[in-house]
Amino acid sequence: MLPSYEELAKMIDHALLHPTMTDEQLASGCQAAMQYGVASVCIKPYAVGQAARLLHGSGVLVGTVIGFPHGSNRTEVKRYETQQACEDGAAEIDMVINVGKAISGDWDYVHNDIEAVCTEAHQHGAKVKVIIENDYLTDGGGGRNGDALKQKLCQICESAGADWVKTSTGFGFVKQPGGGYNYQGATEHDLKLMRAAVSDSVQVKASGGVRDLPGLIRVRELGASRCGTSATAQILDAYGKTDNADGGRLGSGGY
């Protein structure tokens, strides 16, 4: 049975994260988020206050990114970013783990980094999605293969207080054999793996590559409750125009 429009719309975190995004484009993006009735906008930290004013009373939450996109900030910087974002009006925080520390197997560092952000956010009533950036983890690390490393990190996220585990930033570009850079983002394999790695108290967010309605429906079938995408209009405008709930191809496009 096809989920309702509202159920699908409330899965979407409308991404407004491109480096060149102007104030005018941000305002337009917030207007679109209200028009489509999505769960949230996901924006850059400097814009939280502006988005909070634009979205006030609309039912669309303000989310922002911390340590984005590479997770390399010191823990205290991430904690302060989180504090400032919450004070500016953010209700959801999408933080990036320290990927190098994860691949090194420094589990205590990774745990403490996540916990600092979760503790700060929860003090303000905000929820946290932790991005493990799967495209960087394919070759494994910390004595584990890629899948085992992803599972380990999801388990660390849960123990550190995360509300969601999230696949990708949408900017985790990996050098390809031809010399160019690309990424997969959310894949069916990784979503199944992540859903199985955490308890029901932790949700899963897909990000990167979901750009059509069948893809969003497939993400839902795989157990994800949120999906980060900039293709909101393309996805939701198709509702009611198709009865195809199968065949969504994940990992085929950008965030």
Protein backbone atom coordinates (compact mmCIF):
# COMPACT_ATOMS: atom_id res chain seq x y z
CA MET A 1 0.00 0.00 0.00
CA LEU A 2 1.34 3.41 -0.96
CA PRO A 3 2.16 5.56 2.10
CA SER A 4 0.24 8.79 2.39
CA TYR A 5 1.64 12.04 1.04
CA GLU A 6 2.01 13.35 4.60
CA GLU A 7 3.92 10.26 5.73
CA LEU A 8 6.40 10.64 2.89
CA ALA A 9 6.73 14.42 3.20
CA LYS A 10 7.52 14.08 6.90
CA MET A 11 10.41 11.78 6.02
CA ILE A 12 12.21 14.54 4.14
CA ASP A 13 14.91 16.82 5.51
CA HIS A 14 15.05 19.41 2.71
CA ALA A 15 18.76 20.01 2.11
CA LEU A 16 19.96 23.59 1.64
CA LEU A 17 23.68 22.96 1.98
CA HIS A 18 25.36 23.85 -1.30
CA PRO A 19 28.43 26.03 -0.66
CA THR A 20 27.25 28.74 -3.06
CA MET A 21 23.73 29.06 -1.64
CA THR A 22 22.67 32.69 -1.35
CA ASP A 23 20.34 34.28 1.20
CA GLU A 24 17.68 34.54 -1.50
CA GLN A 25 18.01 30.85 -2.33
CA LEU A 26 17.83 29.97 1.36
CA ALA A 27 14.58 31.91 1.73
CA SER A 28 13.18 30.27 -1.39
CA GLY A 29 14.19 26.85 -0.05
CA CYS A 30 12.45 27.49 3.26
CA GLN A 31 9.32 28.56 1.39
CA ALA A 32 9.43 25.32 -0.59
CA ALA A 33 9.83 23.32 2.62
CA MET A 34 6.67 24.92 4.00
CA GLN A 35 4.80 24.42 0.73
CA TYR A 36 5.58 20.70 0.66
CA GLY A 37 5.14 20.17 4.41
CA VAL A 38 8.45 18.38 4.96
CA ALA A 39 9.92 17.40 8.32
CA SER A 40 12.75 19.93 8.34
CA VAL A 41 15.24 22.01 6.46
CA CYS A 42 18.90 21.06 6.86
CA ILE A 43 20.99 24.21 6.55
CA LYS A 44 24.42 25.63 7.26
CA PRO A 45 24.97 26.88 10.83
CA TYR A 46 25.18 30.61 10.05
CA ALA A 47 21.65 30.49 8.62
CA VAL A 48 19.86 28.90 11.57
CA GLY A 49 18.50 32.15 12.96
CA GLN A 50 17.25 33.31 9.57
CA ALA A 51 15.56 29.96 8.88
CA ALA A 52 14.01 29.87 12.36
CA ARG A 53 12.36 33.23 11.67
CA LEU A 54 11.18 32.21 8.23
CA LEU A 55 9.75 28.88 9.42
CA HIS A 56 8.25 30.04 12.71
CA GLY A 57 4.84 28.45 13.27
CA SER A 58 4.99 26.38 10.07
CA GLY A 59 5.60 22.96 11.63
CA VAL A 60 8.82 22.60 9.62
CA LEU A 61 11.79 22.10 11.94
CA VAL A 62 15.17 23.77 11.59
CA GLY A 63 18.11 21.38 11.37
CA THR A 64 21.75 22.20 10.90
CA VAL A 65 25.10 20.50 10.40
CA ILE A 66 27.98 20.28 12.86
CA GLY A 67 31.60 19.55 11.93
CA PHE A 68 30.44 19.53 8.33
CA PRO A 69 31.39 18.01 5.97
CA HIS A 70 34.51 16.17 7.15
CA GLY A 71 34.06 15.90 10.92
CA SER A 72 37.55 17.16 11.61
CA ASN A 73 36.83 19.89 14.17
CA ARG A 74 37.92 19.35 17.74
CA THR A 75 35.24 17.98 20.02
CA GLU A 76 34.92 21.20 22.00
CA VAL A 77 34.39 23.14 18.77
CA LYS A 78 31.62 20.73 17.77
CA ARG A 79 30.05 21.08 21.20
CA TYR A 80 30.13 24.88 20.96
CA GLU A 81 28.75 24.78 17.39
CA THR A 82 25.89 22.72 18.76
CA GLN A 83 25.24 25.10 21.63
CA GLN A 84 25.18 28.10 19.32
CA ALA A 85 22.95 26.34 16.78
CA CYS A 86 20.43 25.39 19.45
CA GLU A 87 20.41 28.89 20.88
CA ASP A 88 19.78 30.21 17.36
CA GLY A 89 16.75 27.93 16.97
CA ALA A 90 17.92 24.54 15.68
CA ALA A 91 15.76 21.61 16.75
CA GLU A 92 17.85 18.95 15.03
CA ILE A 93 21.59 18.50 14.72
CA ASP A 94 23.35 16.48 11.99
CA MET A 95 26.93 15.95 13.16
CA VAL A 96 29.81 14.29 11.33
CA ILE A 97 32.04 11.85 13.19
CA ASN A 98 35.83 12.15 13.04
CA VAL A 99 36.26 9.70 10.18
CA GLY A 100 40.03 9.39 10.53
CA LYS A 101 39.70 8.47 14.20
CA ALA A 102 37.05 5.90 13.30
CA ILE A 103 39.26 4.26 10.67
CA SER A 104 42.12 4.31 13.20
CA GLY A 105 39.97 2.37 15.64
CA ASP A 106 40.10 5.04 18.35
CA TRP A 107 36.69 4.08 19.68
CA ASP A 108 36.91 6.17 22.86
CA TYR A 109 37.60 9.33 20.86
CA VAL A 110 34.73 8.65 18.49
CA HIS A 111 32.35 7.90 21.36
CA ASN A 112 33.32 10.97 23.37
CA ASP A 113 33.08 13.22 20.29
CA ILE A 114 29.52 12.07 19.60
CA GLU A 115 28.51 12.11 23.26
CA ALA A 116 29.62 15.73 23.71
CA VAL A 117 27.33 16.86 20.89
CA CYS A 118 24.42 14.67 22.01
CA THR A 119 24.66 15.87 25.59
CA GLU A 120 24.72 19.53 24.54
CA ALA A 121 21.88 19.14 22.05
CA HIS A 122 19.66 17.18 24.42
CA GLN A 123 20.08 19.86 27.08
CA HIS A 124 18.39 22.23 24.62
CA GLY A 125 15.68 19.74 23.63
CA ALA A 126 17.25 19.09 20.22
CA LYS A 127 17.80 15.69 18.61
CA VAL A 128 20.98 14.42 16.97
CA LYS A 129 21.64 12.55 13.74
CA VAL A 130 25.19 11.17 13.53
CA ILE A 131 26.75 10.92 10.07
CA ILE A 132 29.25 8.07 9.73
CA GLU A 133 30.04 8.83 6.04
CA ASN A 134 29.89 5.33 4.59
CA ASP A 135 31.70 6.14 1.35
CA TYR A 136 34.91 6.62 3.33
CA LEU A 137 34.51 3.32 5.21
CA THR A 138 34.43 0.82 2.34
CA ASP A 139 37.94 -0.47 2.97
CA GLY A 140 37.35 -0.82 6.69
CA GLY A 141 39.60 0.17 9.56
CA GLY A 142 40.28 -0.47 13.21
CA GLY A 143 40.86 -4.15 12.46
CA ARG A 144 37.45 -4.54 10.82
CA ASN A 145 36.23 -4.81 7.25
CA GLY A 146 33.96 -2.12 5.85
CA ASP A 147 30.66 -3.61 6.95
CA ALA A 148 31.91 -4.49 10.43
CA LEU A 149 33.31 -0.96 10.83
CA LYS A 150 29.97 0.59 9.87
CA GLN A 151 28.17 -1.65 12.36
CA LYS A 152 30.65 -0.80 15.11
CA LEU A 153 30.19 2.91 14.52
CA CYS A 154 26.40 2.63 14.58
CA GLN A 155 26.66 0.85 17.93
CA ILE A 156 28.96 3.59 19.25
CA CYS A 157 26.44 6.19 18.09
CA GLU A 158 23.70 4.48 20.07
CA SER A 159 25.80 4.17 23.21
CA ALA A 160 26.76 7.86 22.94
CA GLY A 161 23.13 8.98 22.84
CA ALA A 162 22.38 9.49 19.13
CA ASP A 163 18.75 9.72 18.03
CA TRP A 164 19.58 8.73 14.43
CA VAL A 165 22.44 7.13 12.56
CA LYS A 166 22.89 8.65 9.11
CA THR A 167 24.61 7.31 6.00
CA SER A 168 26.31 10.30 4.45
CA THR A 169 26.89 14.02 4.17
CA GLY A 170 26.32 14.10 0.42
CA PHE A 171 29.82 15.54 0.08
CA GLY A 172 31.92 12.43 0.81
CA PHE A 173 33.61 12.37 -2.55
CA VAL A 174 36.05 9.50 -3.16
CA LYS A 175 38.64 9.44 -5.94
CA GLN A 176 37.53 7.16 -8.76
CA PRO A 177 39.76 4.98 -11.00
CA GLY A 178 39.59 7.56 -13.79
CA GLY A 179 40.86 10.32 -11.51
CA GLY A 180 37.54 12.08 -10.91
CA TYR A 181 35.60 12.19 -7.65
CA ASN A 182 32.16 10.81 -6.87
CA TYR A 183 30.19 9.11 -4.11
CA GLN A 184 27.32 6.68 -3.66
CA GLY A 185 25.55 8.08 -0.62
CA ALA A 186 22.74 5.92 0.73
CA THR A 187 22.65 2.37 -0.59
CA GLU A 188 20.20 -0.45 0.12
CA HIS A 189 23.03 -2.55 1.52
CA ASP A 190 24.11 0.11 4.00
CA LEU A 191 20.58 0.97 5.11
CA LYS A 192 19.87 -2.69 5.90
CA LEU A 193 23.20 -2.96 7.71
CA MET A 194 22.64 0.17 9.79
CA ARG A 195 19.04 -0.69 10.68
CA ALA A 196 20.19 -4.09 11.96
CA ALA A 197 23.10 -2.61 13.93
CA VAL A 198 21.02 -0.48 16.31
CA SER A 199 18.00 -0.98 18.52
CA ASP A 200 14.52 0.28 17.73
CA SER A 201 15.18 3.34 19.93
CA VAL A 202 17.60 4.68 17.29
CA GLN A 203 16.31 5.79 13.89
CA VAL A 204 18.09 5.65 10.53
CA LYS A 205 18.47 8.49 8.05
CA ALA A 206 19.38 8.01 4.39
CA SER A 207 21.27 10.79 2.66
CA GLY A 208 22.62 11.19 -0.84
CA GLY A 209 21.28 9.67 -4.02
CA VAL A 210 17.54 9.48 -3.27
CA ARG A 211 16.05 11.64 -5.98
CA ASP A 212 12.69 10.12 -6.95
CA LEU A 213 9.49 8.88 -5.33
CA PRO A 214 10.19 5.15 -5.71
CA GLY A 215 13.58 5.73 -4.09
CA LEU A 216 12.00 7.46 -1.09
CA ILE A 217 9.45 4.67 -0.71
CA ARG A 218 12.22 2.08 -0.86
CA VAL A 219 14.15 3.93 1.85
CA ARG A 220 11.04 3.73 4.02
CA GLU A 221 10.68 0.01 3.34
CA LEU A 222 14.27 -0.50 4.47
CA GLY A 223 13.53 1.07 7.83
CA ALA A 224 14.73 4.66 7.43
CA SER A 225 12.52 7.32 9.00
CA ARG A 226 14.23 10.32 7.41
CA CYS A 227 15.83 11.09 4.07
CA GLY A 228 18.08 14.04 3.29
CA THR A 229 17.59 15.32 -0.25
CA SER A 230 17.56 18.48 -2.32
CA ALA A 231 15.15 16.84 -4.79
CA THR A 232 12.06 17.45 -2.65
CA ALA A 233 9.97 18.97 -5.42
CA GLN A 234 10.92 16.26 -7.90
CA ILE A 235 10.00 13.55 -5.39
CA LEU A 236 6.75 14.91 -3.98
CA ASP A 237 5.38 16.36 -7.21
CA ALA A 238 5.33 12.77 -8.47
CA TYR A 239 2.98 11.66 -5.70
CA GLY A 240 -0.36 10.68 -7.19
CA LYS A 241 1.16 10.43 -10.66
CA THR A 242 2.62 6.95 -10.18
CA ASP A 243 1.58 3.68 -8.61
CA ASN A 244 5.10 2.28 -8.84
CA ALA A 245 6.36 1.69 -5.32
CA ASP A 246 9.30 -0.46 -6.44
CA GLY A 247 12.58 0.02 -8.21
CA GLY A 248 13.95 3.07 -6.45
CA ARG A 249 17.64 3.23 -7.27
CA LEU A 250 19.70 4.41 -4.33
CA GLY A 251 23.14 5.91 -4.59
CA SER A 252 22.63 7.37 -8.06
CA GLY A 253 22.79 11.11 -7.49
CA GLY A 254 23.74 14.02 -5.29
CA TYR A 255 22.47 15.51 -2.06
